[in-house]
Amino acid sequence: MSPDDDRPERRWPVQAANDNAGTAGPDPKALRKVDAVALTLARIIGRRMAREDFAKATQAANDNTPSARNGDGEDAGDEQ
């Protein structure tokens, strides 16, 4: 007795579980709507990223804000 004897009878042709060739497919109008929404979202994200990058680029390298390392915010070298 082989292990294949316990299996149910195979039916041919075997069809893959994700084979959707027999369906009519998605509605073209729905696909166009999804594309439009995806492009709009990409534009919004891109603009946001561009604004953040521009804000970083326009900041001065030394904005003279007190550093948190000194404790009270005053520079140690300024004392006389």
N, C-alpha and C. Protein backbone atom coordinates (compact mmCIF):
# COMPACT_ATOMS: atom_id res chain seq x y z
N MET A 1 0.85 -1.17 0.00
CA MET A 1 0.00 0.00 0.00
C MET A 1 0.89 1.24 0.00
N SER A 2 0.69 2.13 -0.94
CA SER A 2 1.51 3.34 -1.04
C SER A 2 0.76 4.51 -0.41
N PRO A 3 1.49 5.60 -0.08
CA PRO A 3 0.83 6.76 0.52
C PRO A 3 -0.19 7.42 -0.42
N ASP A 4 -0.03 7.22 -1.72
CA ASP A 4 -0.96 7.81 -2.68
C ASP A 4 -2.33 7.14 -2.66
N ASP A 5 -2.42 5.96 -2.11
CA ASP A 5 -3.69 5.24 -2.11
C ASP A 5 -4.72 5.89 -1.19
N ASP A 6 -4.28 6.63 -0.17
CA ASP A 6 -5.20 7.25 0.76
C ASP A 6 -5.74 8.60 0.27
N ARG A 7 -5.17 9.13 -0.77
CA ARG A 7 -5.60 10.43 -1.27
C ARG A 7 -6.90 10.28 -2.07
N PRO A 8 -7.72 11.33 -2.04
CA PRO A 8 -8.92 11.28 -2.88
C PRO A 8 -8.53 11.34 -4.36
N GLU A 9 -9.44 10.90 -5.18
CA GLU A 9 -9.15 10.87 -6.62
C GLU A 9 -8.95 12.30 -7.14
N ARG A 10 -7.90 12.48 -7.92
CA ARG A 10 -7.61 13.80 -8.48
C ARG A 10 -8.52 14.06 -9.68
N ARG A 11 -8.93 15.29 -9.77
CA ARG A 11 -9.75 15.69 -10.91
C ARG A 11 -8.90 16.58 -11.83
N TRP A 12 -8.94 16.29 -13.09
CA TRP A 12 -8.14 17.04 -14.05
C TRP A 12 -9.06 17.85 -14.93
N PRO A 13 -8.74 18.99 -15.36
CA PRO A 13 -7.51 19.73 -15.08
C PRO A 13 -7.57 20.40 -13.72
N VAL A 14 -6.41 20.49 -13.08
CA VAL A 14 -6.32 21.15 -11.78
C VAL A 14 -6.31 22.66 -12.03
N GLN A 15 -7.12 23.37 -11.26
CA GLN A 15 -7.21 24.82 -11.42
C GLN A 15 -6.63 25.48 -10.17
N ALA A 16 -5.78 26.47 -10.38
CA ALA A 16 -5.17 27.18 -9.26
C ALA A 16 -6.25 27.94 -8.49
N ALA A 17 -5.98 28.11 -7.19
CA ALA A 17 -6.95 28.79 -6.33
C ALA A 17 -7.09 30.26 -6.68
N ASN A 18 -6.05 30.87 -7.21
CA ASN A 18 -6.10 32.29 -7.54
C ASN A 18 -6.33 32.54 -9.03
N ASP A 19 -6.80 31.55 -9.75
CA ASP A 19 -7.05 31.69 -11.17
C ASP A 19 -8.39 32.39 -11.39
N ASN A 20 -8.33 33.62 -11.83
CA ASN A 20 -9.55 34.39 -12.05
C ASN A 20 -9.83 34.58 -13.54
N ALA A 21 -9.32 33.72 -14.36
CA ALA A 21 -9.47 33.87 -15.80
C ALA A 21 -10.93 33.73 -16.23
N GLY A 22 -11.73 33.04 -15.47
CA GLY A 22 -13.12 32.82 -15.85
C GLY A 22 -14.03 33.98 -15.50
N THR A 23 -13.57 34.93 -14.73
CA THR A 23 -14.43 36.05 -14.33
C THR A 23 -14.34 37.16 -15.36
N ALA A 24 -15.26 38.08 -15.28
CA ALA A 24 -15.29 39.19 -16.23
C ALA A 24 -14.21 40.21 -15.94
N GLY A 25 -13.64 40.21 -14.75
CA GLY A 25 -12.59 41.15 -14.40
C GLY A 25 -13.15 42.37 -13.72
N PRO A 26 -12.29 43.23 -13.20
CA PRO A 26 -12.76 44.43 -12.50
C PRO A 26 -13.36 45.44 -13.48
N ASP A 27 -14.22 46.26 -12.96
CA ASP A 27 -14.87 47.29 -13.75
C ASP A 27 -13.84 48.36 -14.12
N PRO A 28 -13.73 48.71 -15.39
CA PRO A 28 -12.74 49.73 -15.80
C PRO A 28 -12.97 51.09 -15.13
N LYS A 29 -14.24 51.45 -14.89
CA LYS A 29 -14.51 52.72 -14.21
C LYS A 29 -13.93 52.69 -12.79
N ALA A 30 -14.10 51.57 -12.11
CA ALA A 30 -13.57 51.44 -10.75
C ALA A 30 -12.05 51.54 -10.75
N LEU A 31 -11.40 50.93 -11.74
CA LEU A 31 -9.94 51.00 -11.82
C LEU A 31 -9.47 52.43 -12.05
N ARG A 32 -10.20 53.19 -12.89
CA ARG A 32 -9.82 54.58 -13.13
C ARG A 32 -9.98 55.41 -11.86
N LYS A 33 -11.03 55.12 -11.08
CA LYS A 33 -11.24 55.85 -9.82
C LYS A 33 -10.11 55.54 -8.83
N VAL A 34 -9.73 54.27 -8.74
CA VAL A 34 -8.65 53.88 -7.84
C VAL A 34 -7.34 54.55 -8.26
N ASP A 35 -7.08 54.59 -9.55
CA ASP A 35 -5.86 55.25 -10.05
C ASP A 35 -5.87 56.73 -9.70
N ALA A 36 -7.01 57.38 -9.88
CA ALA A 36 -7.10 58.81 -9.58
C ALA A 36 -6.88 59.08 -8.09
N VAL A 37 -7.46 58.25 -7.24
CA VAL A 37 -7.29 58.42 -5.80
C VAL A 37 -5.83 58.17 -5.39
N ALA A 38 -5.22 57.15 -5.97
CA ALA A 38 -3.82 56.86 -5.64
C ALA A 38 -2.90 58.00 -6.08
N LEU A 39 -3.14 58.57 -7.24
CA LEU A 39 -2.32 59.69 -7.70
C LEU A 39 -2.52 60.92 -6.83
N THR A 40 -3.75 61.18 -6.42
CA THR A 40 -4.02 62.31 -5.54
C THR A 40 -3.30 62.15 -4.22
N LEU A 41 -3.38 60.97 -3.66
CA LEU A 41 -2.70 60.69 -2.40
C LEU A 41 -1.19 60.84 -2.54
N ALA A 42 -0.63 60.36 -3.63
CA ALA A 42 0.81 60.49 -3.86
C ALA A 42 1.22 61.96 -3.97
N ARG A 43 0.38 62.76 -4.62
CA ARG A 43 0.69 64.19 -4.73
C ARG A 43 0.66 64.87 -3.37
N ILE A 44 -0.32 64.52 -2.55
CA ILE A 44 -0.42 65.11 -1.21
C ILE A 44 0.81 64.75 -0.38
N ILE A 45 1.19 63.49 -0.42
CA ILE A 45 2.37 63.05 0.34
C ILE A 45 3.62 63.74 -0.17
N GLY A 46 3.75 63.85 -1.50
CA GLY A 46 4.92 64.51 -2.08
C GLY A 46 5.02 65.97 -1.69
N ARG A 47 3.88 66.66 -1.69
CA ARG A 47 3.90 68.07 -1.29
C ARG A 47 4.31 68.22 0.17
N ARG A 48 3.81 67.35 1.00
CA ARG A 48 4.15 67.40 2.43
C ARG A 48 5.65 67.18 2.63
N MET A 49 6.20 66.20 1.93
CA MET A 49 7.63 65.93 2.04
C MET A 49 8.45 67.11 1.52
N ALA A 50 7.99 67.73 0.43
CA ALA A 50 8.70 68.88 -0.12
C ALA A 50 8.68 70.05 0.86
N ARG A 51 7.54 70.28 1.51
CA ARG A 51 7.45 71.36 2.51
C ARG A 51 8.42 71.12 3.66
N GLU A 52 8.47 69.88 4.15
CA GLU A 52 9.37 69.56 5.26
C GLU A 52 10.82 69.74 4.85
N ASP A 53 11.18 69.30 3.66
CA ASP A 53 12.56 69.46 3.17
C ASP A 53 12.91 70.93 2.99
N PHE A 54 11.97 71.72 2.48
CA PHE A 54 12.22 73.15 2.29
C PHE A 54 12.40 73.84 3.64
N ALA A 55 11.60 73.46 4.63
CA ALA A 55 11.73 74.06 5.95
C ALA A 55 13.10 73.75 6.56
N LYS A 56 13.57 72.53 6.38
CA LYS A 56 14.90 72.16 6.88
C LYS A 56 16.00 72.93 6.16
N ALA A 57 15.83 73.12 4.85
CA ALA A 57 16.86 73.79 4.06
C ALA A 57 16.94 75.28 4.37
N THR A 58 15.84 75.88 4.77
CA THR A 58 15.85 77.32 5.02
C THR A 58 16.25 77.67 6.45
N GLN A 59 16.39 76.68 7.31
CA GLN A 59 16.84 76.95 8.68
C GLN A 59 18.33 77.23 8.67
N ALA A 60 18.73 78.16 9.51
CA ALA A 60 20.15 78.47 9.62
C ALA A 60 20.88 77.32 10.30
N ALA A 61 22.14 77.16 9.98
CA ALA A 61 22.92 76.10 10.59
C ALA A 61 23.09 76.33 12.09
N ASN A 62 23.21 77.59 12.50
CA ASN A 62 23.33 77.93 13.91
C ASN A 62 22.22 78.91 14.24
N ASP A 63 21.19 78.46 14.87
CA ASP A 63 20.06 79.34 15.17
C ASP A 63 20.16 79.97 16.56
N ASN A 64 21.29 79.77 17.24
CA ASN A 64 21.58 80.36 18.54
C ASN A 64 20.55 80.04 19.62
N THR A 65 19.97 78.89 19.54
CA THR A 65 19.09 78.46 20.62
C THR A 65 19.95 77.83 21.71
N PRO A 66 19.58 78.03 22.97
CA PRO A 66 20.38 77.45 24.04
C PRO A 66 20.37 75.93 23.98
N SER A 67 21.50 75.35 24.24
CA SER A 67 21.56 73.90 24.20
C SER A 67 21.10 73.33 25.54
N ALA A 68 20.58 72.14 25.52
CA ALA A 68 20.08 71.49 26.73
C ALA A 68 21.23 70.90 27.54
N ARG A 69 22.43 70.85 26.97
CA ARG A 69 23.57 70.25 27.67
C ARG A 69 24.05 71.09 28.84
N ASN A 70 23.91 72.40 28.75
CA ASN A 70 24.46 73.29 29.76
C ASN A 70 23.59 73.42 30.99
N GLY A 71 22.47 72.83 30.99
CA GLY A 71 21.62 72.87 32.17
C GLY A 71 20.70 74.06 32.20
N ASP A 72 21.24 75.27 32.44
CA ASP A 72 20.38 76.45 32.55
C ASP A 72 20.23 77.18 31.23
N GLY A 73 20.87 76.72 30.20
CA GLY A 73 20.70 77.31 28.89
C GLY A 73 21.75 78.34 28.55
N GLU A 74 22.61 78.72 29.47
CA GLU A 74 23.64 79.70 29.19
C GLU A 74 24.91 78.99 28.78
N ASP A 75 25.65 79.61 27.89
CA ASP A 75 26.91 79.04 27.45
C ASP A 75 27.95 79.19 28.57
N ALA A 76 28.75 78.16 28.78
CA ALA A 76 29.75 78.17 29.85
C ALA A 76 30.88 79.15 29.53
N GLY A 77 31.19 79.41 28.27
CA GLY A 77 32.29 80.28 27.90
C GLY A 77 31.95 81.75 27.99
N ASP A 78 30.71 82.13 28.24
CA ASP A 78 30.31 83.53 28.27
C ASP A 78 30.52 84.18 29.64
N GLU A 79 30.82 83.40 30.65
CA GLU A 79 30.98 83.96 32.01
C GLU A 79 32.31 84.70 32.11
N GLN A 80 32.34 85.84 32.88
CA GLN A 80 33.57 86.62 33.05
C GLN A 80 33.97 86.67 34.47
